[in-house]
Amino acid sequence: QASRLVELPYSSSDDDDNSLAGDTDLPVAEQDPGVWYPDPPKLSTFSQCVRYLAFLWNLLFLLLGLLALAVGVWGLLAKGSLGGERLAPLGSDPMLLFVLGGLGASTVSLAGCLGALCSSPCLLRFFVGAVLTFGGLEVLGGLLVLLARRRLRDGLRDALLLCLLRYQDEPDLRFLVDEMQRSLRCCGLGSYRDWETNPYFNCSAPGVQACSVPASCCRDPWQNGTVPNAQCAVGTLRLGDVAAGTVVYLGGCVAQLGAWLRGQAGGIVAGAAVLVLVEAAGVLMALKMLRDIVPIGVR
């Protein structure tokens, strides 16, 4: 009988207990995912204040950028520069600066607003990168101004000469030239005789403006002290320097503009410093939000 017994496989309750214990010996992450993936902690009061301040900060510059963009588009539409017949000189239109500046500022500020509102790391990184890029370009531009002052002065003279030539064709250029001549009490580039290069003020040109200069060159542009006199400089180029000096300013605007810029150097530096501080404040707030957001996503 003993030889006929069939040996059964060995089994014991200890193995069953071990197997059951092994089934329950799972990684902690599978037993309780909350151990490794906890709920995002609430932001501190300071972090929430930074978030709301960054949103309002970028919202302000978003509105300013949209305002500049609207002014630029309105200027282009008012002059018909967006029409088919005016596409050629569009690149030299000064209103295009408002369009490009407003578009860039509003785009970056919109990314900052949405990044702060939605806690988006991607938008915040884009905002930081764009602001740092603009800051680098500003620093590079300042260095170029210091290193290439003579070339910039020649370029400014060429730009003013272009304004003189297109004085009657571009309303915004005419406004800038008139304001410059009234404020600086000057006329032309080097002297009032420079207006002879303008086809409308040249002595050989037909019309009542021949041999004249703009009314903004007049020493007394008012009639009876109250009414603007648009004909105060008619025929000035036919007069001699002594007689013309009693009617208009003889000195050019290049020297006056250079002296004004040198006098405003402190204000320009202060404005540049304020701009850098504004950009640095925006970057610091964005970096603070990124530090609060990114570790949570990594977990």
Foldseek 3Di string as FASTA:
>chain_A
DVVPDDDDDDDDVVVVVVVVVVVVPDDPCVVPVCVVQPDQDDDDPVLVVLLVVQLVLLVVQLVVLVVLLVQLVVLCVVLVCPPPVNVVCPVVDPSVVSNVSSVLSNVLSVLSNCCSVVVDLVSLVVNLVSLVVVVVVVVVVVVCCVVPVVVVLVVVLVVQLVLLQCLPPRVVSVVVVLVLCLVLQADAAFWVVSNCPHLQQNLPHDDQNHLWGFLSFFPDQADVNPHGNRCQTGNLNVDDPVVSVNTGHTGHRSVSVVVVCVVCVVVVVVVVVVVVVSSVSSSVSSVSSCVSRVVSVVD
